[in-house]
Amino acid sequence: ADYEPRVFEIIRSMMFMFYRKPRPENLERARLYLHSYRSIYPIKGEELRAGFELYYLRSLHGFWIPDEHYLKNNYRADELIEEHFLAIKFLSENFKELQGSLFD
């Protein structure tokens, strides 16, 4: 567990929509998710953009799967390697489009 800004957890949970088989069609679901949250707990666009960038950077530099495999001999995390790679690839290829369409 980490102490993170609330928006980091919102973005992290939203990004599960893009795991397994990342698809641009999930963008509408992500918009609905954010809109629903923001209708109860208002968040400014700038705060969302900052949280999205934090999530992106953490994803790129995340080390927990290799750490589990190589340092802790925990091979259960291996099944997540491809899923994690595909999500990062999707996020990298669509970062500006996602950021622009989700937070404006």
N, C-alpha and C. Protein backbone atom coordinates (compact mmCIF):
# COMPACT_ATOMS: atom_id res chain seq x y z
N ALA A 1 0.84 -1.18 0.00
CA ALA A 1 0.00 0.00 0.00
C ALA A 1 0.88 1.24 0.00
N ASP A 2 0.41 2.24 -0.68
CA ASP A 2 1.11 3.51 -0.76
C ASP A 2 0.16 4.63 -0.38
N TYR A 3 0.74 5.73 0.01
CA TYR A 3 -0.03 6.96 0.16
C TYR A 3 0.07 7.68 -1.17
N GLU A 4 -1.04 7.86 -1.81
CA GLU A 4 -1.07 8.50 -3.12
C GLU A 4 -2.15 9.57 -3.11
N PRO A 5 -2.05 10.54 -4.02
CA PRO A 5 -3.17 11.46 -4.18
C PRO A 5 -4.42 10.69 -4.60
N ARG A 6 -5.58 11.15 -4.20
CA ARG A 6 -6.82 10.41 -4.51
C ARG A 6 -6.99 10.18 -6.00
N VAL A 7 -6.58 11.15 -6.79
CA VAL A 7 -6.78 11.03 -8.23
C VAL A 7 -5.92 9.90 -8.82
N PHE A 8 -4.79 9.59 -8.21
CA PHE A 8 -3.98 8.47 -8.68
C PHE A 8 -4.78 7.18 -8.59
N GLU A 9 -5.47 6.96 -7.48
CA GLU A 9 -6.26 5.75 -7.31
C GLU A 9 -7.45 5.72 -8.27
N ILE A 10 -8.05 6.86 -8.52
CA ILE A 10 -9.14 6.94 -9.48
C ILE A 10 -8.65 6.53 -10.87
N ILE A 11 -7.53 7.08 -11.28
CA ILE A 11 -6.97 6.75 -12.60
C ILE A 11 -6.52 5.30 -12.64
N ARG A 12 -5.87 4.83 -11.59
CA ARG A 12 -5.41 3.44 -11.55
C ARG A 12 -6.58 2.49 -11.71
N SER A 13 -7.65 2.73 -10.98
CA SER A 13 -8.81 1.83 -11.08
C SER A 13 -9.49 1.97 -12.44
N MET A 14 -9.51 3.17 -13.00
CA MET A 14 -10.10 3.37 -14.31
C MET A 14 -9.33 2.61 -15.39
N MET A 15 -8.02 2.55 -15.25
CA MET A 15 -7.19 1.93 -16.28
C MET A 15 -7.38 0.42 -16.37
N PHE A 16 -8.00 -0.19 -15.38
CA PHE A 16 -8.30 -1.62 -15.50
C PHE A 16 -9.22 -1.90 -16.68
N MET A 17 -9.95 -0.88 -17.14
CA MET A 17 -10.79 -1.05 -18.32
C MET A 17 -9.97 -1.30 -19.57
N PHE A 18 -8.71 -0.92 -19.53
CA PHE A 18 -7.86 -1.04 -20.71
C PHE A 18 -6.90 -2.23 -20.62
N TYR A 19 -7.00 -3.01 -19.54
CA TYR A 19 -6.14 -4.19 -19.40
C TYR A 19 -6.74 -5.36 -20.17
N ARG A 20 -6.00 -6.41 -20.24
CA ARG A 20 -6.32 -7.63 -20.99
C ARG A 20 -6.28 -7.36 -22.48
N LYS A 21 -7.31 -6.77 -23.01
CA LYS A 21 -7.34 -6.41 -24.43
C LYS A 21 -7.64 -4.92 -24.52
N PRO A 22 -6.60 -4.09 -24.44
CA PRO A 22 -6.82 -2.64 -24.48
C PRO A 22 -7.50 -2.24 -25.78
N ARG A 23 -8.60 -1.52 -25.66
CA ARG A 23 -9.35 -1.09 -26.84
C ARG A 23 -9.76 0.36 -26.68
N PRO A 24 -9.67 1.11 -27.75
CA PRO A 24 -10.13 2.50 -27.69
C PRO A 24 -11.62 2.60 -27.37
N GLU A 25 -12.41 1.54 -27.65
CA GLU A 25 -13.84 1.58 -27.36
C GLU A 25 -14.11 1.75 -25.86
N ASN A 26 -13.17 1.36 -25.05
CA ASN A 26 -13.35 1.49 -23.60
C ASN A 26 -13.27 2.94 -23.14
N LEU A 27 -12.91 3.82 -24.06
CA LEU A 27 -12.79 5.23 -23.72
C LEU A 27 -14.12 5.80 -23.22
N GLU A 28 -15.22 5.40 -23.83
CA GLU A 28 -16.52 5.90 -23.39
C GLU A 28 -16.84 5.44 -21.97
N ARG A 29 -16.48 4.21 -21.64
CA ARG A 29 -16.67 3.71 -20.28
C ARG A 29 -15.81 4.49 -19.30
N ALA A 30 -14.60 4.80 -19.71
CA ALA A 30 -13.70 5.57 -18.84
C ALA A 30 -14.27 6.96 -18.59
N ARG A 31 -14.81 7.58 -19.64
CA ARG A 31 -15.43 8.90 -19.48
C ARG A 31 -16.59 8.84 -18.50
N LEU A 32 -17.43 7.83 -18.64
CA LEU A 32 -18.57 7.66 -17.75
C LEU A 32 -18.11 7.45 -16.31
N TYR A 33 -17.08 6.64 -16.14
CA TYR A 33 -16.52 6.38 -14.81
C TYR A 33 -16.07 7.68 -14.16
N LEU A 34 -15.29 8.47 -14.89
CA LEU A 34 -14.80 9.75 -14.35
C LEU A 34 -15.94 10.73 -14.11
N HIS A 35 -16.87 10.80 -15.05
CA HIS A 35 -18.00 11.71 -14.90
C HIS A 35 -18.81 11.35 -13.66
N SER A 36 -19.05 10.07 -13.46
CA SER A 36 -19.83 9.63 -12.29
C SER A 36 -19.13 9.99 -10.99
N TYR A 37 -17.84 9.74 -10.95
CA TYR A 37 -17.07 10.08 -9.74
C TYR A 37 -17.10 11.58 -9.49
N ARG A 38 -16.84 12.34 -10.56
CA ARG A 38 -16.77 13.79 -10.42
C ARG A 38 -18.13 14.41 -10.09
N SER A 39 -19.21 13.74 -10.42
CA SER A 39 -20.53 14.28 -10.09
C SER A 39 -20.78 14.23 -8.58
N ILE A 40 -20.09 13.34 -7.89
CA ILE A 40 -20.23 13.23 -6.44
C ILE A 40 -19.09 13.96 -5.72
N TYR A 41 -17.87 13.76 -6.21
CA TYR A 41 -16.67 14.38 -5.64
C TYR A 41 -15.98 15.20 -6.72
N PRO A 42 -16.25 16.49 -6.79
CA PRO A 42 -15.66 17.31 -7.85
C PRO A 42 -14.13 17.29 -7.85
N ILE A 43 -13.58 17.20 -9.03
CA ILE A 43 -12.13 17.24 -9.22
C ILE A 43 -11.87 18.15 -10.41
N LYS A 44 -10.93 19.06 -10.27
CA LYS A 44 -10.57 19.94 -11.36
C LYS A 44 -9.78 19.16 -12.42
N GLY A 45 -9.90 19.62 -13.65
CA GLY A 45 -9.21 18.97 -14.76
C GLY A 45 -7.71 18.90 -14.57
N GLU A 46 -7.13 19.93 -14.02
CA GLU A 46 -5.67 19.95 -13.83
C GLU A 46 -5.23 18.86 -12.84
N GLU A 47 -6.02 18.66 -11.81
CA GLU A 47 -5.71 17.60 -10.85
C GLU A 47 -5.79 16.23 -11.52
N LEU A 48 -6.79 16.04 -12.38
CA LEU A 48 -6.91 14.77 -13.11
C LEU A 48 -5.73 14.56 -14.05
N ARG A 49 -5.33 15.61 -14.76
CA ARG A 49 -4.18 15.48 -15.67
C ARG A 49 -2.91 15.13 -14.91
N ALA A 50 -2.71 15.75 -13.77
CA ALA A 50 -1.52 15.45 -12.96
C ALA A 50 -1.54 14.00 -12.46
N GLY A 51 -2.71 13.53 -12.03
CA GLY A 51 -2.82 12.14 -11.59
C GLY A 51 -2.61 11.16 -12.71
N PHE A 52 -3.10 11.50 -13.90
CA PHE A 52 -2.92 10.65 -15.07
C PHE A 52 -1.44 10.56 -15.44
N GLU A 53 -0.75 11.67 -15.39
CA GLU A 53 0.70 11.67 -15.68
C GLU A 53 1.45 10.86 -14.63
N LEU A 54 1.08 11.00 -13.36
CA LEU A 54 1.71 10.21 -12.31
C LEU A 54 1.49 8.73 -12.55
N TYR A 55 0.25 8.35 -12.89
CA TYR A 55 -0.04 6.94 -13.17
C TYR A 55 0.81 6.44 -14.33
N TYR A 56 0.89 7.23 -15.38
CA TYR A 56 1.66 6.86 -16.57
C TYR A 56 3.13 6.64 -16.22
N LEU A 57 3.70 7.58 -15.50
CA LEU A 57 5.12 7.47 -15.13
C LEU A 57 5.36 6.27 -14.21
N ARG A 58 4.47 6.07 -13.26
CA ARG A 58 4.60 4.91 -12.37
C ARG A 58 4.50 3.60 -13.15
N SER A 59 3.61 3.57 -14.14
CA SER A 59 3.45 2.36 -14.95
C SER A 59 4.71 2.07 -15.75
N LEU A 60 5.27 3.11 -16.34
CA LEU A 60 6.49 2.92 -17.14
C LEU A 60 7.67 2.47 -16.30
N HIS A 61 7.76 3.00 -15.11
CA HIS A 61 8.91 2.71 -14.26
C HIS A 61 8.62 1.68 -13.18
N GLY A 62 7.42 1.11 -13.23
CA GLY A 62 7.04 0.11 -12.24
C GLY A 62 7.94 -1.11 -12.31
N PHE A 63 8.20 -1.68 -11.18
CA PHE A 63 9.16 -2.79 -11.12
C PHE A 63 8.61 -3.97 -10.34
N TRP A 64 7.34 -3.93 -9.96
CA TRP A 64 6.87 -4.96 -9.03
C TRP A 64 6.82 -6.35 -9.64
N ILE A 65 6.49 -6.50 -10.92
CA ILE A 65 6.45 -7.84 -11.52
C ILE A 65 7.85 -8.43 -11.62
N PRO A 66 8.83 -7.72 -12.20
CA PRO A 66 10.19 -8.28 -12.20
C PRO A 66 10.75 -8.50 -10.79
N ASP A 67 10.40 -7.61 -9.88
CA ASP A 67 10.84 -7.76 -8.49
C ASP A 67 10.31 -9.07 -7.90
N GLU A 68 9.02 -9.32 -8.10
CA GLU A 68 8.44 -10.56 -7.60
C GLU A 68 9.10 -11.78 -8.22
N HIS A 69 9.33 -11.73 -9.52
CA HIS A 69 9.89 -12.88 -10.23
C HIS A 69 11.37 -13.11 -9.88
N TYR A 70 12.19 -12.09 -10.09
CA TYR A 70 13.64 -12.27 -9.98
C TYR A 70 14.18 -12.17 -8.56
N LEU A 71 13.60 -11.31 -7.76
CA LEU A 71 14.16 -11.11 -6.43
C LEU A 71 13.47 -11.94 -5.35
N LYS A 72 12.20 -12.26 -5.57
CA LYS A 72 11.46 -12.99 -4.54
C LYS A 72 11.07 -14.41 -4.97
N ASN A 73 11.50 -14.79 -6.18
CA ASN A 73 11.18 -16.11 -6.72
C ASN A 73 9.69 -16.42 -6.66
N ASN A 74 8.88 -15.42 -6.89
CA ASN A 74 7.43 -15.56 -6.90
C ASN A 74 6.99 -15.56 -8.36
N TYR A 75 6.71 -16.72 -8.89
CA TYR A 75 6.38 -16.85 -10.31
C TYR A 75 4.89 -16.67 -10.59
N ARG A 76 4.10 -16.45 -9.55
CA ARG A 76 2.66 -16.21 -9.75
C ARG A 76 2.42 -14.91 -10.50
N ALA A 77 3.31 -13.95 -10.36
CA ALA A 77 3.14 -12.66 -11.04
C ALA A 77 3.46 -12.76 -12.53
N ASP A 78 4.07 -13.85 -12.96
CA ASP A 78 4.46 -13.98 -14.37
C ASP A 78 3.27 -13.88 -15.32
N GLU A 79 2.12 -14.37 -14.90
CA GLU A 79 0.95 -14.33 -15.77
C GLU A 79 0.48 -12.91 -16.04
N LEU A 80 0.97 -11.94 -15.27
CA LEU A 80 0.58 -10.55 -15.46
C LEU A 80 1.53 -9.78 -16.38
N ILE A 81 2.64 -10.38 -16.76
CA ILE A 81 3.64 -9.67 -17.56
C ILE A 81 3.07 -9.20 -18.88
N GLU A 82 2.43 -10.09 -19.62
CA GLU A 82 1.90 -9.70 -20.93
C GLU A 82 0.79 -8.65 -20.78
N GLU A 83 -0.10 -8.85 -19.83
CA GLU A 83 -1.19 -7.91 -19.58
C GLU A 83 -0.65 -6.52 -19.24
N HIS A 84 0.36 -6.48 -18.38
CA HIS A 84 0.97 -5.22 -17.98
C HIS A 84 1.65 -4.55 -19.18
N PHE A 85 2.35 -5.33 -19.97
CA PHE A 85 3.01 -4.80 -21.17
C PHE A 85 1.99 -4.20 -22.13
N LEU A 86 0.90 -4.93 -22.40
CA LEU A 86 -0.12 -4.44 -23.33
C LEU A 86 -0.76 -3.15 -22.84
N ALA A 87 -1.00 -3.06 -21.54
CA ALA A 87 -1.60 -1.85 -20.98
C ALA A 87 -0.65 -0.66 -21.12
N ILE A 88 0.63 -0.87 -20.84
CA ILE A 88 1.61 0.22 -20.97
C ILE A 88 1.76 0.62 -22.43
N LYS A 89 1.78 -0.37 -23.31
CA LYS A 89 1.89 -0.09 -24.75
C LYS A 89 0.68 0.74 -25.20
N PHE A 90 -0.52 0.32 -24.81
CA PHE A 90 -1.73 1.06 -25.17
C PHE A 90 -1.67 2.48 -24.60
N LEU A 91 -1.31 2.61 -23.36
CA LEU A 91 -1.24 3.91 -22.72
C LEU A 91 -0.21 4.80 -23.41
N SER A 92 0.94 4.25 -23.74
CA SER A 92 1.98 5.02 -24.42
C SER A 92 1.54 5.49 -25.79
N GLU A 93 0.89 4.60 -26.52
CA GLU A 93 0.47 4.94 -27.88
C GLU A 93 -0.72 5.89 -27.91
N ASN A 94 -1.47 5.96 -26.84
CA ASN A 94 -2.70 6.76 -26.82
C ASN A 94 -2.72 7.81 -25.72
N PHE A 95 -1.57 8.10 -25.13
CA PHE A 95 -1.52 8.98 -23.96
C PHE A 95 -2.17 10.34 -24.22
N LYS A 96 -1.75 11.02 -25.27
CA LYS A 96 -2.27 12.37 -25.52
C LYS A 96 -3.76 12.34 -25.87
N GLU A 97 -4.17 11.34 -26.64
CA GLU A 97 -5.59 11.24 -26.99
C GLU A 97 -6.44 10.97 -25.76
N LEU A 98 -5.97 10.06 -24.91
CA LEU A 98 -6.70 9.77 -23.68
C LEU A 98 -6.76 10.99 -22.78
N GLN A 99 -5.63 11.62 -22.61
CA GLN A 99 -5.57 12.79 -21.73
C GLN A 99 -6.50 13.90 -22.25
N GLY A 100 -6.47 14.13 -23.54
CA GLY A 100 -7.30 15.19 -24.11
C GLY A 100 -8.78 14.88 -24.04
N SER A 101 -9.15 13.65 -24.32
CA SER A 101 -10.57 13.33 -24.36
C SER A 101 -11.18 13.05 -22.99
N LEU A 102 -10.38 12.65 -22.05
CA LEU A 102 -10.91 12.34 -20.71
C LEU A 102 -11.03 13.54 -19.80
N PHE A 103 -10.13 14.48 -19.94
CA PHE A 103 -10.02 15.53 -18.93
C PHE A 103 -10.39 16.92 -19.40
N ASP A 104 -10.86 17.07 -20.61
CA ASP A 104 -11.26 18.41 -21.07
C ASP A 104 -12.69 18.71 -20.72
